[in-house]
Amino acid sequence: VNWFINENGLQLRGTTNNVAEPRVGDIIKTGVEISNLLFHNNNLKMAGIFYRLTCANGAVSPEPAGMRSLLHQDRWKEPTVRLNTLYSEVDNVVAEMMSIMQVIGSLAKIDLPHFANSEEAQKTIKPLIKHLGIPAKYANNVEDALYAEGPTVFDFYNAVTRLGRDAVLPEVREMFERSGYKLLATVDEVQEILQLIDA
C-alpha cells in the first residue's frame, strides 16, 4: 500500500496480484485508491488504479458511477458504514480495471508517427493530449517526457503518467493520472487519432 497526504486529505493506494507485462520486466498491477478528503461533505472517494512497478507511475480511473449517491445516502451514518459501502464496490472496480488491463500489452505494439523535430512531435502530441483532456500548456512537458521514453503508445502512456508522478501540485498529478487512464480506456480512439495524423 502506498499513501499520499496533502492539503486535500489522505489517499491510500493498494494493488492486487493482477498484473500485465507489456515489456519484459515492466510490470503493471491493478488496484484501488481510497481517498479521505478533509474539507468536503462527501469526503470518501474510490477509484481504480494501474500502478507501474518499475518507476511508480500510475493511472487513476474516474470514480465508479453511482458511488457518490451511495455514499451520500450513508452520509449521516457511522464512518464504518460508509467505509463498508465503499469496500462493497472494490470488486467491481478491480473487475473494470482487469478488463482494461487486457489492452496494456498491445500499447507497446502501436507505434507513434515518427518525428524528426519538435514541430513534428507537437503535430502528434497536441491531438492526443486534447483527446486525453490535458491542457495545451503542458504540450512541451509531454514532448520532453516522451523523448525520455520511446516511440510507442505505451511510451506515451509512461510519459504522461510520469509527469503525474513528478507533479508538485496534487491537482496536476491527478489530471495526468486520469489522462493515463483515459488513454488505456480509449485505445481504439487513440489509434484513430494516430491514423489521422499519419494521413
Protein backbone atom coordinates (compact mmCIF):
# COMPACT_ATOMS: atom_id res chain seq x y z
CA VAL A 1 0.00 0.00 0.00
CA ASN A 2 1.27 3.46 -0.92
CA TRP A 3 -0.12 6.64 0.53
CA PHE A 4 -0.11 10.37 -0.14
CA ILE A 5 -1.09 13.16 2.20
CA ASN A 6 -1.58 16.77 1.15
CA GLU A 7 -3.85 19.71 1.86
CA ASN A 8 -6.79 17.80 0.36
CA GLY A 9 -6.51 14.81 2.70
CA LEU A 10 -5.20 11.24 2.70
CA GLN A 11 -5.03 8.85 -0.26
CA LEU A 12 -4.30 5.14 0.09
CA ARG A 13 -3.36 3.01 -2.91
CA GLY A 14 -3.41 -0.75 -2.70
CA THR A 15 -2.64 -3.17 -5.52
CA THR A 16 -3.90 -6.67 -6.29
CA ASN A 17 -1.93 -9.61 -7.65
CA ASN A 18 -3.35 -8.99 -11.16
CA VAL A 19 -0.50 -7.97 -13.45
CA ALA A 20 0.27 -7.12 -17.06
CA GLU A 21 3.74 -7.08 -18.58
CA PRO A 22 3.75 -5.00 -21.79
CA ARG A 23 7.52 -5.39 -21.99
CA VAL A 24 9.68 -7.99 -20.28
CA GLY A 25 10.32 -6.86 -16.71
CA ASP A 26 7.95 -3.87 -16.94
CA ILE A 27 5.12 -4.97 -14.66
CA ILE A 28 1.86 -3.09 -14.13
CA LYS A 29 -0.57 -4.00 -11.33
CA THR A 30 -4.23 -3.11 -10.83
CA GLY A 31 -5.66 -1.86 -7.57
CA VAL A 32 -7.79 0.76 -5.89
CA GLU A 33 -7.25 4.23 -4.50
CA ILE A 34 -9.29 5.31 -1.49
CA SER A 35 -9.29 9.00 -0.56
CA ASN A 36 -10.45 10.70 2.61
CA LEU A 37 -10.88 14.36 1.72
CA LEU A 38 -10.66 16.76 4.65
CA PHE A 39 -12.87 19.64 3.56
CA HIS A 40 -15.68 18.00 1.63
CA ASN A 41 -19.15 16.80 2.61
CA ASN A 42 -18.77 13.53 0.72
CA ASN A 43 -15.25 13.02 1.96
CA LEU A 44 -14.71 9.39 0.87
CA LYS A 45 -13.79 8.54 -2.71
CA MET A 46 -12.65 5.41 -4.50
CA ALA A 47 -11.18 4.83 -7.94
CA GLY A 48 -9.36 2.07 -9.79
CA ILE A 49 -5.64 2.39 -10.46
CA PHE A 50 -2.90 0.96 -12.64
CA TYR A 51 0.49 1.04 -10.95
CA ARG A 52 3.77 0.59 -12.84
CA LEU A 53 6.22 -1.10 -10.50
CA THR A 54 9.49 -0.11 -12.21
CA CYS A 55 9.03 3.61 -11.60
CA ALA A 56 5.88 4.12 -9.51
CA ASN A 57 3.88 5.78 -12.32
CA GLY A 58 0.13 5.40 -12.01
CA ALA A 59 -3.13 5.90 -13.84
CA VAL A 60 -6.39 6.53 -11.98
CA SER A 61 -9.91 5.82 -13.22
CA PRO A 62 -12.87 8.11 -12.69
CA GLU A 63 -14.96 7.36 -9.62
CA PRO A 64 -17.42 4.49 -10.28
CA ALA A 65 -20.84 5.57 -11.49
CA GLY A 66 -23.29 5.78 -8.62
CA MET A 67 -20.63 5.82 -5.88
CA ARG A 68 -21.42 9.43 -4.91
CA SER A 69 -25.10 8.69 -4.41
CA LEU A 70 -24.37 5.51 -2.42
CA LEU A 71 -22.06 7.40 -0.08
CA HIS A 72 -24.46 10.35 0.06
CA GLN A 73 -27.22 8.05 1.35
CA ASP A 74 -24.89 6.99 4.18
CA ARG A 75 -23.55 10.47 4.97
CA TRP A 76 -25.12 10.69 8.45
CA LYS A 77 -24.28 7.14 9.44
CA GLU A 78 -21.27 5.89 11.37
CA PRO A 79 -17.96 6.13 9.46
CA THR A 80 -17.65 2.34 9.40
CA VAL A 81 -20.96 2.09 7.49
CA ARG A 82 -19.63 4.48 4.85
CA LEU A 83 -16.37 2.53 4.62
CA ASN A 84 -18.30 -0.73 4.19
CA THR A 85 -20.29 0.89 1.38
CA LEU A 86 -17.01 1.86 -0.26
CA TYR A 87 -15.46 -1.58 0.23
CA SER A 88 -18.54 -3.28 -1.22
CA GLU A 89 -17.62 -1.76 -4.60
CA VAL A 90 -13.93 -2.75 -4.60
CA ASP A 91 -14.52 -5.99 -6.55
CA ASN A 92 -16.48 -4.12 -9.25
CA VAL A 93 -13.72 -1.53 -9.61
CA VAL A 94 -10.99 -4.19 -9.85
CA ALA A 95 -13.06 -6.11 -12.44
CA GLU A 96 -13.33 -2.96 -14.57
CA MET A 97 -9.59 -2.40 -14.28
CA MET A 98 -8.93 -6.02 -15.31
CA SER A 99 -11.00 -5.60 -18.48
CA ILE A 100 -9.00 -2.50 -19.41
CA MET A 101 -5.72 -4.19 -18.46
CA GLN A 102 -6.22 -6.52 -21.43
CA VAL A 103 -5.15 -3.69 -23.76
CA ILE A 104 -1.96 -2.69 -21.95
CA GLY A 105 0.12 -5.34 -23.70
CA SER A 106 -0.96 -4.05 -27.11
CA LEU A 107 0.21 -0.48 -26.41
CA ALA A 108 3.88 -1.43 -26.88
CA LYS A 109 2.99 -2.65 -30.38
CA ILE A 110 1.31 0.59 -31.50
CA ASP A 111 3.87 2.98 -32.93
CA LEU A 112 3.58 6.73 -32.77
CA PRO A 113 4.25 8.60 -36.03
CA HIS A 114 7.97 9.24 -36.45
CA PHE A 115 9.00 12.83 -35.75
CA ALA A 116 12.36 14.39 -36.54
CA ASN A 117 11.88 17.70 -34.75
CA SER A 118 9.75 19.50 -32.20
CA GLU A 119 7.26 20.78 -34.77
CA GLU A 120 6.57 17.22 -35.96
CA ALA A 121 6.41 15.99 -32.35
CA GLN A 122 3.78 18.61 -31.50
CA LYS A 123 1.75 17.53 -34.54
CA THR A 124 1.46 14.12 -32.85
CA ILE A 125 1.21 15.27 -29.24
CA LYS A 126 -1.40 18.05 -29.49
CA PRO A 127 -4.30 15.92 -30.81
CA LEU A 128 -3.51 13.19 -28.28
CA ILE A 129 -3.37 15.47 -25.26
CA LYS A 130 -6.56 17.21 -26.39
CA HIS A 131 -8.30 13.83 -26.52
CA LEU A 132 -6.94 12.94 -23.07
CA GLY A 133 -8.02 16.23 -21.50
CA ILE A 134 -4.50 17.52 -20.87
CA PRO A 135 -4.38 21.33 -21.19
CA ALA A 136 -2.37 22.57 -24.19
CA LYS A 137 0.03 24.43 -21.86
CA TYR A 138 1.54 21.01 -20.99
CA ALA A 139 2.34 20.03 -24.61
CA ASN A 140 6.05 20.82 -24.24
CA ASN A 141 6.24 18.90 -20.96
CA VAL A 142 4.69 15.86 -22.64
CA GLU A 143 7.12 16.19 -25.56
CA ASP A 144 10.13 16.34 -23.23
CA ALA A 145 8.87 13.36 -21.23
CA LEU A 146 8.25 11.39 -24.43
CA TYR A 147 11.85 11.90 -25.62
CA ALA A 148 12.97 10.10 -22.44
CA GLU A 149 10.69 7.14 -23.25
CA GLY A 150 10.28 5.80 -26.78
CA PRO A 151 8.21 5.67 -29.99
CA THR A 152 5.09 3.72 -28.94
CA VAL A 153 1.71 4.46 -27.34
CA PHE A 154 2.95 2.58 -24.24
CA ASP A 155 5.83 5.07 -24.07
CA PHE A 156 3.34 7.93 -24.42
CA TYR A 157 1.33 6.44 -21.54
CA ASN A 158 4.51 6.22 -19.46
CA ALA A 159 5.46 9.82 -20.29
CA VAL A 160 2.04 11.14 -19.23
CA THR A 161 1.88 9.13 -16.01
CA ARG A 162 5.49 10.02 -15.15
CA LEU A 163 4.55 13.70 -15.39
CA GLY A 164 1.78 12.92 -12.90
CA ARG A 165 4.15 11.11 -10.57
CA ASP A 166 6.59 14.04 -10.62
CA ALA A 167 3.97 16.81 -10.31
CA VAL A 168 4.19 19.01 -7.21
CA LEU A 169 0.54 20.06 -7.16
CA PRO A 170 -1.98 17.31 -6.31
CA GLU A 171 -4.47 18.50 -8.93
CA VAL A 172 -1.81 18.30 -11.67
CA ARG A 173 -0.82 14.79 -10.54
CA GLU A 174 -4.45 13.70 -10.63
CA MET A 175 -5.01 15.27 -14.04
CA PHE A 176 -2.08 13.36 -15.60
CA GLU A 177 -3.04 10.12 -13.84
CA ARG A 178 -6.62 10.37 -15.07
CA SER A 179 -5.33 11.14 -18.57
CA GLY A 180 -3.24 7.97 -18.43
CA TYR A 181 -6.36 6.01 -17.54
CA LYS A 182 -8.31 7.62 -20.38
CA LEU A 183 -5.58 6.57 -22.82
CA LEU A 184 -5.99 2.95 -21.68
CA ALA A 185 -9.78 3.13 -21.76
CA THR A 186 -9.94 4.67 -25.26
CA VAL A 187 -7.17 2.87 -27.18
CA ASP A 188 -9.37 2.50 -30.29
CA GLU A 189 -9.97 6.26 -30.40
CA VAL A 190 -6.25 6.91 -29.84
CA GLN A 191 -5.45 4.68 -32.83
CA GLU A 192 -7.95 6.60 -34.96
CA ILE A 193 -6.27 9.88 -33.98
CA LEU A 194 -2.86 8.45 -34.90
CA GLN A 195 -4.19 7.31 -38.29
CA LEU A 196 -5.47 10.83 -38.98
CA ILE A 197 -2.05 12.25 -38.05
CA ASP A 198 -0.32 9.84 -40.44
CA ALA A 199 -2.75 10.59 -43.28
